[in-house]
C-alpha atoms as a PDB file:
ATOM      1  CA  MET A   1      74.622  67.366  10.537  1.00  0.00           C
ATOM      2  CA  ARG A   2      72.426  64.991  12.471  1.00  0.00           C
ATOM      3  CA  THR A   3      68.757  64.466  11.295  1.00  0.00           C
ATOM      4  CA  ASP A   4      66.086  64.652  13.715  1.00  0.00           C
ATOM      5  CA  ARG A   5      64.053  61.389  14.060  1.00  0.00           C
ATOM      6  CA  THR A   6      60.755  63.086  13.276  1.00  0.00           C
ATOM      7  CA  GLU A   7      62.200  64.635  10.051  1.00  0.00           C
ATOM      8  CA  ARG A   8      63.696  61.245   9.113  1.00  0.00           C
ATOM      9  CA  LEU A   9      60.379  59.571   9.453  1.00  0.00           C
ATOM     10  CA  LEU A  10      58.625  62.281   7.442  1.00  0.00           C
ATOM     11  CA  ASN A  11      61.243  62.024   4.735  1.00  0.00           C
ATOM     12  CA  LEU A  12      60.768  58.240   4.641  1.00  0.00           C
ATOM     13  CA  VAL A  13      57.107  58.692   4.129  1.00  0.00           C
ATOM     14  CA  LEU A  14      57.692  61.160   1.315  1.00  0.00           C
ATOM     15  CA  ALA A  15      60.407  58.984  -0.418  1.00  0.00           C
ATOM     16  CA  LEU A  16      57.994  55.961  -0.372  1.00  0.00           C
ATOM     17  CA  LEU A  17      54.953  58.024  -1.361  1.00  0.00           C
ATOM     18  CA  GLY A  18      56.822  59.829  -4.237  1.00  0.00           C
ATOM     19  CA  SER A  19      57.981  56.704  -6.027  1.00  0.00           C
ATOM     20  CA  ARG A  20      55.806  54.632  -8.597  1.00  0.00           C
ATOM     21  CA  VAL A  21      58.028  51.582  -7.920  1.00  0.00           C
ATOM     22  CA  PRO A  22      59.277  49.934  -4.781  1.00  0.00           C
ATOM     23  CA  VAL A  23      62.164  51.580  -3.231  1.00  0.00           C
ATOM     24  CA  ASP A  24      64.946  49.232  -2.136  1.00  0.00           C
ATOM     25  CA  ARG A  25      66.954  49.506   1.065  1.00  0.00           C
ATOM     26  CA  ALA A  26      69.947  50.839  -0.528  1.00  0.00           C
ATOM     27  CA  ARG A  27      68.176  53.624  -2.297  1.00  0.00           C
ATOM     28  CA  ILE A  28      66.369  54.455   0.952  1.00  0.00           C
ATOM     29  CA  ARG A  29      69.621  54.679   2.766  1.00  0.00           C
ATOM     30  CA  ASP A  30      70.933  57.067   0.020  1.00  0.00           C
ATOM     31  CA  VAL A  31      68.031  59.339  -0.328  1.00  0.00           C
ATOM     32  CA  VAL A  32      66.518  59.653   3.141  1.00  0.00           C
ATOM     33  CA  PRO A  33      68.427  62.193   5.283  1.00  0.00           C
ATOM     34  CA  GLY A  34      69.614  60.516   8.532  1.00  0.00           C
ATOM     35  CA  TYR A  35      70.098  56.977   7.194  1.00  0.00           C
ATOM     36  CA  ALA A  36      73.454  57.599   5.340  1.00  0.00           C
ATOM     37  CA  GLU A  37      74.884  58.797   8.609  1.00  0.00           C
ATOM     38  CA  SER A  38      74.422  55.368  10.276  1.00  0.00           C
ATOM     39  CA  ALA A  39      77.680  54.005  11.659  1.00  0.00           C
ATOM     40  CA  SER A  40      77.183  50.580  10.003  1.00  0.00           C
ATOM     41  CA  ASP A  41      74.891  48.506   7.764  1.00  0.00           C
ATOM     42  CA  GLU A  42      73.661  46.862  11.045  1.00  0.00           C
ATOM     43  CA  ALA A  43      72.868  50.290  12.512  1.00  0.00           C
ATOM     44  CA  PHE A  44      70.978  51.371   9.371  1.00  0.00           C
ATOM     45  CA  GLU A  45      69.041  48.063   9.396  1.00  0.00           C
ATOM     46  CA  ARG A  46      67.959  48.404  13.072  1.00  0.00           C
ATOM     47  CA  MET A  47      67.009  52.184  12.618  1.00  0.00           C
ATOM     48  CA  PHE A  48      64.986  51.453   9.396  1.00  0.00           C
ATOM     49  CA  GLU A  49      63.201  48.515  11.064  1.00  0.00           C
ATOM     50  CA  ARG A  50      62.212  50.754  14.008  1.00  0.00           C
ATOM     51  CA  ASP A  51      61.046  53.459  11.770  1.00  0.00           C
ATOM     52  CA  LYS A  52      58.971  51.176   9.645  1.00  0.00           C
ATOM     53  CA  GLU A  53      57.180  49.717  12.682  1.00  0.00           C
ATOM     54  CA  GLU A  54      56.706  53.185  14.229  1.00  0.00           C
ATOM     55  CA  LEU A  55      55.049  54.519  11.039  1.00  0.00           C
ATOM     56  CA  ARG A  56      52.926  51.443  10.697  1.00  0.00           C
ATOM     57  CA  SER A  57      51.699  51.788  14.370  1.00  0.00           C
ATOM     58  CA  MET A  58      50.525  55.393  13.282  1.00  0.00           C
ATOM     59  CA  GLY A  59      48.537  53.932  10.484  1.00  0.00           C
ATOM     60  CA  VAL A  60      51.024  54.552   7.641  1.00  0.00           C
ATOM     61  CA  PRO A  61      50.395  51.531   5.196  1.00  0.00           C
ATOM     62  CA  ILE A  62      54.017  50.749   4.313  1.00  0.00           C
ATOM     63  CA  GLU A  63      54.005  47.727   2.011  1.00  0.00           C
ATOM     64  CA  THR A  64      56.805  45.292   1.623  1.00  0.00           C
ATOM     65  CA  VAL A  65      56.944  44.272  -2.073  1.00  0.00           C
ATOM     66  CA  VAL A  66      58.227  40.717  -2.505  1.00  0.00           C
ATOM     67  CA  ASN A  67      59.114  39.162  -5.956  1.00  0.00           C
ATOM     68  CA  ALA A  68      58.207  35.809  -7.303  1.00  0.00           C
ATOM     69  CA  SER A  69      61.387  34.344  -5.790  1.00  0.00           C
ATOM     70  CA  GLY A  70      60.314  35.542  -2.330  1.00  0.00           C
ATOM     71  CA  GLU A  71      62.971  38.338  -2.108  1.00  0.00           C
ATOM     72  CA  VAL A  72      62.091  41.709  -1.018  1.00  0.00           C
ATOM     73  CA  ASP A  73      62.110  44.141  -3.978  1.00  0.00           C
ATOM     74  CA  GLY A  74      61.454  47.290  -1.866  1.00  0.00           C
ATOM     75  CA  TYR A  75      59.002  49.192   0.045  1.00  0.00           C
ATOM     76  CA  ARG A  76      56.009  51.513  -0.984  1.00  0.00           C
ATOM     77  CA  ILE A  77      53.106  53.494   0.260  1.00  0.00           C
ATOM     78  CA  ASP A  78      49.903  53.104  -1.859  1.00  0.00           C
ATOM     79  CA  GLN A  79      48.630  56.700  -2.144  1.00  0.00           C
ATOM     80  CA  ARG A  80      45.015  55.541  -2.404  1.00  0.00           C
ATOM     81  CA  ALA A  81      45.390  53.585   0.940  1.00  0.00           C
ATOM     82  CA  TYR A  82      47.060  56.624   2.715  1.00  0.00           C
ATOM     83  CA  GLN A  83      44.787  59.439   1.602  1.00  0.00           C
ATOM     84  CA  MET A  84      42.076  60.837   3.750  1.00  0.00           C
ATOM     85  CA  PRO A  85      38.435  59.742   2.979  1.00  0.00           C
ATOM     86  CA  GLU A  86      36.176  62.316   1.439  1.00  0.00           C
ATOM     87  CA  LEU A  87      34.647  64.546   4.138  1.00  0.00           C
ATOM     88  CA  ARG A  88      30.807  64.549   4.242  1.00  0.00           C
ATOM     89  CA  PHE A  89      28.787  66.905   6.402  1.00  0.00           C
ATOM     90  CA  THR A  90      25.045  66.662   7.353  1.00  0.00           C
ATOM     91  CA  ALA A  91      22.955  69.562   6.727  1.00  0.00           C
ATOM     92  CA  ALA A  92      22.921  70.426  10.541  1.00  0.00           C
ATOM     93  CA  GLU A  93      26.741  70.485  10.584  1.00  0.00           C
ATOM     94  CA  ILE A  94      26.900  72.698   7.592  1.00  0.00           C
ATOM     95  CA  THR A  95      24.356  75.057   9.145  1.00  0.00           C
ATOM     96  CA  VAL A  96      26.259  75.213  12.363  1.00  0.00           C
ATOM     97  CA  GLN A  97      29.485  76.061  10.413  1.00  0.00           C
ATOM     98  CA  ILE A  98      27.730  78.840   8.352  1.00  0.00           C
ATOM     99  CA  GLY A  99      26.276  80.241  11.508  1.00  0.00           C
ATOM    100  CA  ARG A 100      29.809  80.512  13.121  1.00  0.00           C
ATOM    101  CA  ALA A 101      31.228  82.224  10.012  1.00  0.00           C
ATOM    102  CA  HIS A 102      28.644  85.075  10.510  1.00  0.00           C
ATOM    103  CA  VAL A 103      29.356  85.728  14.129  1.00  0.00           C
END
């Protein structure tokens, strides 16, 4: 069954957010639906690179983790960098919202 691109992107985000350690390409290909269906290693690489760039362009902070030897250990998303900031409302904004609730 073919995986929709949007679903694949969401699954990639979830896989990288859900791991405490960097996730390497082989593991990503195994666990993210849509990648295992790639016709070849090269097709997977192209798809994965496109997906990373698209997610980054949408503001998803995908980090490439490199070891001391300069080799890529894997990829991750820092949960703190990805979470929304705390919402703060002014007194006027809160008053407007409360007024709407009573209408």
